[in-house]
């Protein structure tokens, strides 16, 4: 019963989540300042986490994911001692807890000279993510949002490389109801805050994921995450 009540956030809760999301965005800005070939994944994560603490975060909302090269094909590859090298993606998935509420964001950055297939994969994920965001509105089943992302990736021939659900609720905990996944029938209502995070993963090669937090409004949706989703190469 409590979990179901918590799916709908009031105005104060949404304001706190927005603050957490905005602090999280500053962490990515710091990541871009230090992310270069030769730095270790854990060093990038450490710089981001220091920025979080300086910004008032109580803690990270989950262990920071900085996964480079072939490790970017692991959807949940926590930051390791691996040195980041040119010629691959780096998946940066991170969040903070601020005033009790969580944030969650993913951006994927290319390191070094850009391969042609990297740009195509990134554009496909970005298109799939936007399709899922566009599907968010009151009265829509979360399974339909998931399908909107999958439909784009199937059309691009990448459907089999999207191996997890499209998103989840966020609030006091990093994973809350509703689950935005295939076959889920929960109906979106104003006040729900969910992630939209499709990705594609090529084992042994690299992966791409883009994630924003979205609040369902009376008239549709509002994307809370302010960070650009343009393809970035460093």
C-alpha atoms as a PDB file:
ATOM      1  CA  UNK A   1       0.000   0.000   0.000  1.00  0.00           C
ATOM      2  CA  UNK A   2       2.794   2.427   0.916  1.00  0.00           C
ATOM      3  CA  UNK A   3       4.658   1.747  -2.329  1.00  0.00           C
ATOM      4  CA  UNK A   4       1.565   2.530  -4.354  1.00  0.00           C
ATOM      5  CA  UNK A   5       1.002   5.819  -2.525  1.00  0.00           C
ATOM      6  CA  UNK A   6       4.629   6.747  -3.105  1.00  0.00           C
ATOM      7  CA  UNK A   7       4.254   6.446  -6.863  1.00  0.00           C
ATOM      8  CA  UNK A   8       2.521   9.853  -6.877  1.00  0.00           C
ATOM      9  CA  UNK A   9       4.756  12.709  -5.756  1.00  0.00           C
ATOM     10  CA  UNK A  10       3.366  15.986  -4.425  1.00  0.00           C
ATOM     11  CA  UNK A  11       4.717  19.397  -5.385  1.00  0.00           C
ATOM     12  CA  UNK A  12       7.277  19.499  -2.566  1.00  0.00           C
ATOM     13  CA  UNK A  13       8.604  16.063  -3.468  1.00  0.00           C
ATOM     14  CA  UNK A  14       8.932  17.024  -7.125  1.00  0.00           C
ATOM     15  CA  UNK A  15      10.781  20.191  -6.100  1.00  0.00           C
ATOM     16  CA  UNK A  16      13.252  18.136  -4.059  1.00  0.00           C
ATOM     17  CA  UNK A  17      13.724  15.667  -6.895  1.00  0.00           C
ATOM     18  CA  UNK A  18      14.348  18.567  -9.274  1.00  0.00           C
ATOM     19  CA  UNK A  19      17.076  19.872  -6.938  1.00  0.00           C
ATOM     20  CA  UNK A  20      18.693  16.434  -6.841  1.00  0.00           C
ATOM     21  CA  UNK A  21      18.549  16.173 -10.641  1.00  0.00           C
ATOM     22  CA  UNK A  22      20.159  19.592 -11.065  1.00  0.00           C
ATOM     23  CA  UNK A  23      22.978  18.676  -8.684  1.00  0.00           C
ATOM     24  CA  UNK A  24      23.452  15.441 -10.601  1.00  0.00           C
ATOM     25  CA  UNK A  25      23.848  17.421 -13.817  1.00  0.00           C
ATOM     26  CA  UNK A  26      26.797  19.276 -12.262  1.00  0.00           C
ATOM     27  CA  UNK A  27      28.497  15.932 -11.683  1.00  0.00           C
ATOM     28  CA  UNK A  28      28.450  15.244 -15.405  1.00  0.00           C
ATOM     29  CA  UNK A  29      29.927  18.671 -16.092  1.00  0.00           C
ATOM     30  CA  UNK A  30      32.811  17.708 -13.796  1.00  0.00           C
ATOM     31  CA  UNK A  31      33.184  14.341 -15.541  1.00  0.00           C
ATOM     32  CA  UNK A  32      33.645  16.090 -18.879  1.00  0.00           C
ATOM     33  CA  UNK A  33      36.403  18.238 -17.384  1.00  0.00           C
ATOM     34  CA  UNK A  34      38.506  15.229 -16.390  1.00  0.00           C
ATOM     35  CA  UNK A  35      37.476  12.462 -18.791  1.00  0.00           C
ATOM     36  CA  UNK A  36      40.420  11.861 -21.112  1.00  0.00           C
ATOM     37  CA  UNK A  37      42.452   8.882 -22.341  1.00  0.00           C
ATOM     38  CA  UNK A  38      44.772   7.698 -19.584  1.00  0.00           C
ATOM     39  CA  UNK A  39      42.559   8.423 -16.574  1.00  0.00           C
ATOM     40  CA  UNK A  40      41.113   5.509 -14.616  1.00  0.00           C
ATOM     41  CA  UNK A  41      37.368   4.990 -14.335  1.00  0.00           C
ATOM     42  CA  UNK A  42      37.530   5.243 -10.533  1.00  0.00           C
ATOM     43  CA  UNK A  43      39.277   8.603 -10.790  1.00  0.00           C
ATOM     44  CA  UNK A  44      36.438  10.021 -12.883  1.00  0.00           C
ATOM     45  CA  UNK A  45      33.905   8.625 -10.404  1.00  0.00           C
ATOM     46  CA  UNK A  46      35.847  10.113  -7.482  1.00  0.00           C
ATOM     47  CA  UNK A  47      35.811  13.581  -9.027  1.00  0.00           C
ATOM     48  CA  UNK A  48      32.060  13.316  -9.592  1.00  0.00           C
ATOM     49  CA  UNK A  49      31.413  12.117  -6.060  1.00  0.00           C
ATOM     50  CA  UNK A  50      33.500  14.927  -4.571  1.00  0.00           C
ATOM     51  CA  UNK A  51      31.404  17.399  -6.571  1.00  0.00           C
ATOM     52  CA  UNK A  52      28.272  15.748  -5.157  1.00  0.00           C
ATOM     53  CA  UNK A  53      29.465  16.100  -1.573  1.00  0.00           C
ATOM     54  CA  UNK A  54      30.496  19.698  -2.091  1.00  0.00           C
ATOM     55  CA  UNK A  55      27.040  20.368  -3.523  1.00  0.00           C
ATOM     56  CA  UNK A  56      25.338  19.081  -0.398  1.00  0.00           C
ATOM     57  CA  UNK A  57      24.548  15.499  -1.363  1.00  0.00           C
ATOM     58  CA  UNK A  58      24.004  13.135   1.550  1.00  0.00           C
ATOM     59  CA  UNK A  59      25.395  10.286  -0.521  1.00  0.00           C
ATOM     60  CA  UNK A  60      25.265   8.803  -3.997  1.00  0.00           C
ATOM     61  CA  UNK A  61      21.941   7.184  -4.813  1.00  0.00           C
ATOM     62  CA  UNK A  62      23.827   4.094  -6.106  1.00  0.00           C
ATOM     63  CA  UNK A  63      27.472   3.152  -6.824  1.00  0.00           C
ATOM     64  CA  UNK A  64      28.651   5.390  -9.666  1.00  0.00           C
ATOM     65  CA  UNK A  65      28.943   3.646 -13.026  1.00  0.00           C
ATOM     66  CA  UNK A  66      31.852   4.711 -15.228  1.00  0.00           C
ATOM     67  CA  UNK A  67      32.262   1.936 -17.777  1.00  0.00           C
ATOM     68  CA  UNK A  68      34.656   2.404 -20.691  1.00  0.00           C
ATOM     69  CA  UNK A  69      35.542   0.473 -23.827  1.00  0.00           C
ATOM     70  CA  UNK A  70      34.247  -3.098 -23.775  1.00  0.00           C
ATOM     71  CA  UNK A  71      33.034  -2.546 -20.204  1.00  0.00           C
ATOM     72  CA  UNK A  72      30.474  -0.045 -21.541  1.00  0.00           C
ATOM     73  CA  UNK A  73      28.611  -3.089 -22.890  1.00  0.00           C
ATOM     74  CA  UNK A  74      27.882  -4.044 -19.260  1.00  0.00           C
ATOM     75  CA  UNK A  75      24.628  -2.276 -18.302  1.00  0.00           C
ATOM     76  CA  UNK A  76      25.693  -2.072 -14.644  1.00  0.00           C
ATOM     77  CA  UNK A  77      29.496  -1.817 -14.831  1.00  0.00           C
ATOM     78  CA  UNK A  78      30.614   0.003 -11.700  1.00  0.00           C
ATOM     79  CA  UNK A  79      33.710   2.201 -11.932  1.00  0.00           C
ATOM     80  CA  UNK A  80      36.842   0.045 -11.949  1.00  0.00           C
ATOM     81  CA  UNK A  81      40.616   0.496 -12.029  1.00  0.00           C
ATOM     82  CA  UNK A  82      40.502   0.216 -15.821  1.00  0.00           C
ATOM     83  CA  UNK A  83      42.300   2.990 -17.694  1.00  0.00           C
ATOM     84  CA  UNK A  84      40.084   4.800 -20.198  1.00  0.00           C
ATOM     85  CA  UNK A  85      41.490   4.519 -23.708  1.00  0.00           C
ATOM     86  CA  UNK A  86      40.698   6.184 -27.021  1.00  0.00           C
ATOM     87  CA  UNK A  87      38.421   4.406 -29.448  1.00  0.00           C
ATOM     88  CA  UNK A  88      35.372   3.597 -27.363  1.00  0.00           C
ATOM     89  CA  UNK A  89      32.353   4.797 -25.433  1.00  0.00           C
ATOM     90  CA  UNK A  90      32.237   5.614 -21.730  1.00  0.00           C
ATOM     91  CA  UNK A  91      28.861   5.103 -20.055  1.00  0.00           C
ATOM     92  CA  UNK A  92      28.423   7.479 -17.102  1.00  0.00           C
ATOM     93  CA  UNK A  93      25.448   6.521 -14.896  1.00  0.00           C
ATOM     94  CA  UNK A  94      25.162   8.344 -11.586  1.00  0.00           C
ATOM     95  CA  UNK A  95      22.865   9.976  -9.084  1.00  0.00           C
ATOM     96  CA  UNK A  96      22.744  11.719  -5.737  1.00  0.00           C
ATOM     97  CA  UNK A  97      20.527  11.802  -2.667  1.00  0.00           C
ATOM     98  CA  UNK A  98      19.711  15.397  -1.755  1.00  0.00           C
ATOM     99  CA  UNK A  99      17.246  16.317   0.987  1.00  0.00           C
ATOM    100  CA  UNK A 100      16.177  12.684   1.056  1.00  0.00           C
ATOM    101  CA  UNK A 101      15.345  12.290  -2.645  1.00  0.00           C
ATOM    102  CA  UNK A 102      17.243  10.524  -5.397  1.00  0.00           C
ATOM    103  CA  UNK A 103      18.345  11.452  -8.874  1.00  0.00           C
ATOM    104  CA  UNK A 104      19.427   9.196 -11.731  1.00  0.00           C
ATOM    105  CA  UNK A 105      21.073  10.171 -15.014  1.00  0.00           C
ATOM    106  CA  UNK A 106      23.101   8.501 -17.757  1.00  0.00           C
ATOM    107  CA  UNK A 107      25.142  10.051 -20.517  1.00  0.00           C
ATOM    108  CA  UNK A 108      27.486   8.239 -22.898  1.00  0.00           C
ATOM    109  CA  UNK A 109      30.623   9.906 -24.230  1.00  0.00           C
ATOM    110  CA  UNK A 110      32.980   8.814 -27.010  1.00  0.00           C
ATOM    111  CA  UNK A 111      36.731   9.019 -26.407  1.00  0.00           C
ATOM    112  CA  UNK A 112      39.120   9.710 -29.299  1.00  0.00           C
ATOM    113  CA  UNK A 113      38.525   9.671 -33.077  1.00  0.00           C
ATOM    114  CA  UNK A 114      34.910   8.758 -33.778  1.00  0.00           C
ATOM    115  CA  UNK A 115      34.014   5.487 -35.538  1.00  0.00           C
ATOM    116  CA  UNK A 116      31.129   5.689 -38.035  1.00  0.00           C
ATOM    117  CA  UNK A 117      29.096   2.932 -36.391  1.00  0.00           C
ATOM    118  CA  UNK A 118      29.417   4.668 -33.026  1.00  0.00           C
ATOM    119  CA  UNK A 119      27.543   7.713 -34.244  1.00  0.00           C
ATOM    120  CA  UNK A 120      24.801   5.578 -35.783  1.00  0.00           C
ATOM    121  CA  UNK A 121      24.309   3.574 -32.594  1.00  0.00           C
ATOM    122  CA  UNK A 122      24.224   6.710 -30.475  1.00  0.00           C
ATOM    123  CA  UNK A 123      21.679   8.399 -32.747  1.00  0.00           C
ATOM    124  CA  UNK A 124      19.468   5.300 -32.647  1.00  0.00           C
ATOM    125  CA  UNK A 125      19.434   5.266 -28.846  1.00  0.00           C
ATOM    126  CA  UNK A 126      18.730   8.984 -28.689  1.00  0.00           C
ATOM    127  CA  UNK A 127      15.826   8.571 -31.119  1.00  0.00           C
ATOM    128  CA  UNK A 128      14.469   5.632 -29.101  1.00  0.00           C
ATOM    129  CA  UNK A 129      14.733   7.597 -25.879  1.00  0.00           C
ATOM    130  CA  UNK A 130      12.909  10.561 -27.365  1.00  0.00           C
ATOM    131  CA  UNK A 131      10.145   8.290 -28.685  1.00  0.00           C
ATOM    132  CA  UNK A 132       9.648   6.878 -25.192  1.00  0.00           C
ATOM    133  CA  UNK A 133       9.617  10.358 -23.640  1.00  0.00           C
ATOM    134  CA  UNK A 134       7.033  11.480 -26.207  1.00  0.00           C
ATOM    135  CA  UNK A 135       4.837   8.532 -25.192  1.00  0.00           C
ATOM    136  CA  UNK A 136       4.704   9.640 -21.536  1.00  0.00           C
ATOM    137  CA  UNK A 137       1.368  11.177 -20.594  1.00  0.00           C
ATOM    138  CA  UNK A 138      -1.490  10.453 -18.177  1.00  0.00           C
ATOM    139  CA  UNK A 139      -3.572   7.410 -19.075  1.00  0.00           C
ATOM    140  CA  UNK A 140      -0.817   5.552 -20.944  1.00  0.00           C
ATOM    141  CA  UNK A 141       0.353   2.150 -19.702  1.00  0.00           C
ATOM    142  CA  UNK A 142       4.051   2.007 -18.825  1.00  0.00           C
ATOM    143  CA  UNK A 143       4.380  -0.974 -21.167  1.00  0.00           C
ATOM    144  CA  UNK A 144       3.472   1.331 -24.056  1.00  0.00           C
ATOM    145  CA  UNK A 145       6.324   3.664 -23.128  1.00  0.00           C
ATOM    146  CA  UNK A 146       8.726   0.728 -23.137  1.00  0.00           C
ATOM    147  CA  UNK A 147       7.399  -0.396 -26.512  1.00  0.00           C
ATOM    148  CA  UNK A 148       7.897   3.064 -28.015  1.00  0.00           C
ATOM    149  CA  UNK A 149      11.640   2.792 -27.382  1.00  0.00           C
ATOM    150  CA  UNK A 150      11.882  -0.813 -28.542  1.00  0.00           C
ATOM    151  CA  UNK A 151       9.995  -0.096 -31.754  1.00  0.00           C
ATOM    152  CA  UNK A 152      12.620   2.436 -32.831  1.00  0.00           C
ATOM    153  CA  UNK A 153      15.523   0.120 -32.033  1.00  0.00           C
ATOM    154  CA  UNK A 154      13.899  -2.823 -33.836  1.00  0.00           C
ATOM    155  CA  UNK A 155      13.436  -0.634 -36.909  1.00  0.00           C
ATOM    156  CA  UNK A 156      17.171   0.159 -36.772  1.00  0.00           C
ATOM    157  CA  UNK A 157      18.036  -3.540 -36.486  1.00  0.00           C
ATOM    158  CA  UNK A 158      19.199  -3.084 -32.893  1.00  0.00           C
ATOM    159  CA  UNK A 159      16.285  -4.493 -30.937  1.00  0.00           C
ATOM    160  CA  UNK A 160      18.134  -7.545 -29.654  1.00  0.00           C
ATOM    161  CA  UNK A 161      20.864  -5.340 -28.176  1.00  0.00           C
ATOM    162  CA  UNK A 162      18.449  -3.580 -25.796  1.00  0.00           C
ATOM    163  CA  UNK A 163      18.589  -6.002 -22.883  1.00  0.00           C
ATOM    164  CA  UNK A 164      16.900  -4.281 -19.929  1.00  0.00           C
ATOM    165  CA  UNK A 165      13.715  -2.369 -19.160  1.00  0.00           C
ATOM    166  CA  UNK A 166      13.163   1.211 -20.292  1.00  0.00           C
ATOM    167  CA  UNK A 167      12.907   2.739 -16.839  1.00  0.00           C
ATOM    168  CA  UNK A 168      11.624   2.832 -13.274  1.00  0.00           C
ATOM    169  CA  UNK A 169      10.141   5.139 -10.687  1.00  0.00           C
ATOM    170  CA  UNK A 170      12.439   7.294  -8.532  1.00  0.00           C
ATOM    171  CA  UNK A 171      11.825   9.013  -5.196  1.00  0.00           C
ATOM    172  CA  UNK A 172      13.014   8.270  -1.688  1.00  0.00           C
ATOM    173  CA  UNK A 173      14.613   5.193  -3.210  1.00  0.00           C
ATOM    174  CA  UNK A 174      16.447   4.872  -6.488  1.00  0.00           C
ATOM    175  CA  UNK A 175      14.173   2.082  -7.726  1.00  0.00           C
ATOM    176  CA  UNK A 176      10.480   2.545  -7.007  1.00  0.00           C
ATOM    177  CA  UNK A 177       7.230   1.641  -8.735  1.00  0.00           C
ATOM    178  CA  UNK A 178       6.229   1.814 -11.497  1.00  0.00           C
ATOM    179  CA  UNK A 179       8.533  -0.391 -13.550  1.00  0.00           C
ATOM    180  CA  UNK A 180       8.639   0.819 -17.154  1.00  0.00           C
ATOM    181  CA  UNK A 181       8.998  -2.509 -18.918  1.00  0.00           C
ATOM    182  CA  UNK A 182       7.432  -4.771 -21.522  1.00  0.00           C
ATOM    183  CA  UNK A 183       4.040  -6.099 -20.503  1.00  0.00           C
ATOM    184  CA  UNK A 184       3.645  -3.825 -17.467  1.00  0.00           C
ATOM    185  CA  UNK A 185       0.107  -2.459 -17.194  1.00  0.00           C
ATOM    186  CA  UNK A 186       0.435   0.296 -14.576  1.00  0.00           C
ATOM    187  CA  UNK A 187      -1.193   3.477 -15.888  1.00  0.00           C
ATOM    188  CA  UNK A 188       0.754   6.715 -15.778  1.00  0.00           C
ATOM    189  CA  UNK A 189      -0.747   9.441 -13.601  1.00  0.00           C
ATOM    190  CA  UNK A 190       0.267  13.044 -12.874  1.00  0.00           C
ATOM    191  CA  UNK A 191       2.945  13.185 -10.190  1.00  0.00           C
ATOM    192  CA  UNK A 192       4.739   9.990 -11.186  1.00  0.00           C
ATOM    193  CA  UNK A 193       8.483  10.439 -11.677  1.00  0.00           C
ATOM    194  CA  UNK A 194      10.186   7.868 -13.884  1.00  0.00           C
ATOM    195  CA  UNK A 195      13.424   7.325 -15.747  1.00  0.00           C
ATOM    196  CA  UNK A 196      13.609   6.796 -19.497  1.00  0.00           C
ATOM    197  CA  UNK A 197      16.849   4.932 -20.240  1.00  0.00           C
ATOM    198  CA  UNK A 198      17.033   2.736 -23.335  1.00  0.00           C
ATOM    199  CA  UNK A 199      20.406   1.428 -24.428  1.00  0.00           C
ATOM    200  CA  UNK A 200      22.186  -0.918 -26.805  1.00  0.00           C
ATOM    201  CA  UNK A 201      25.042  -3.189 -25.794  1.00  0.00           C
ATOM    202  CA  UNK A 202      27.468  -5.026 -28.068  1.00  0.00           C
ATOM    203  CA  UNK A 203      29.358  -7.600 -25.952  1.00  0.00           C
ATOM    204  CA  UNK A 204      33.123  -7.234 -26.161  1.00  0.00           C
ATOM    205  CA  UNK A 205      32.810  -3.966 -28.102  1.00  0.00           C
ATOM    206  CA  UNK A 206      30.905  -1.104 -26.434  1.00  0.00           C
ATOM    207  CA  UNK A 207      27.505   0.111 -25.322  1.00  0.00           C
ATOM    208  CA  UNK A 208      25.360   3.249 -25.309  1.00  0.00           C
ATOM    209  CA  UNK A 209      22.717   4.381 -22.814  1.00  0.00           C
ATOM    210  CA  UNK A 210      20.932   7.735 -22.419  1.00  0.00           C
ATOM    211  CA  UNK A 211      18.797   8.388 -19.352  1.00  0.00           C
ATOM    212  CA  UNK A 212      16.633  11.265 -18.179  1.00  0.00           C
ATOM    213  CA  UNK A 213      14.186  11.669 -15.339  1.00  0.00           C
ATOM    214  CA  UNK A 214      10.654  12.622 -16.381  1.00  0.00           C
ATOM    215  CA  UNK A 215       7.659  13.753 -14.332  1.00  0.00           C
ATOM    216  CA  UNK A 216       4.144  13.028 -15.595  1.00  0.00           C
ATOM    217  CA  UNK A 217       2.094  16.250 -15.699  1.00  0.00           C
ATOM    218  CA  UNK A 218      -1.598  16.939 -16.243  1.00  0.00           C
ATOM    219  CA  UNK A 219      -0.904  17.765 -19.875  1.00  0.00           C
ATOM    220  CA  UNK A 220       1.837  15.258 -20.669  1.00  0.00           C
ATOM    221  CA  UNK A 221       5.340  15.223 -19.270  1.00  0.00           C
ATOM    222  CA  UNK A 222       8.290  17.375 -18.207  1.00  0.00           C
ATOM    223  CA  UNK A 223      11.888  16.250 -18.632  1.00  0.00           C
ATOM    224  CA  UNK A 224      13.705  17.169 -15.422  1.00  0.00           C
ATOM    225  CA  UNK A 225      17.244  16.373 -16.599  1.00  0.00           C
ATOM    226  CA  UNK A 226      18.801  19.548 -18.063  1.00  0.00           C
ATOM    227  CA  UNK A 227      21.898  17.999 -19.666  1.00  0.00           C
ATOM    228  CA  UNK A 228      22.347  18.046 -23.453  1.00  0.00           C
ATOM    229  CA  UNK A 229      22.035  14.735 -25.290  1.00  0.00           C
ATOM    230  CA  UNK A 230      24.101  15.739 -28.295  1.00  0.00           C
ATOM    231  CA  UNK A 231      26.843  13.269 -29.278  1.00  0.00           C
ATOM    232  CA  UNK A 232      30.010  14.186 -27.362  1.00  0.00           C
ATOM    233  CA  UNK A 233      33.548  13.135 -28.159  1.00  0.00           C
ATOM    234  CA  UNK A 234      36.499  14.025 -25.913  1.00  0.00           C
END
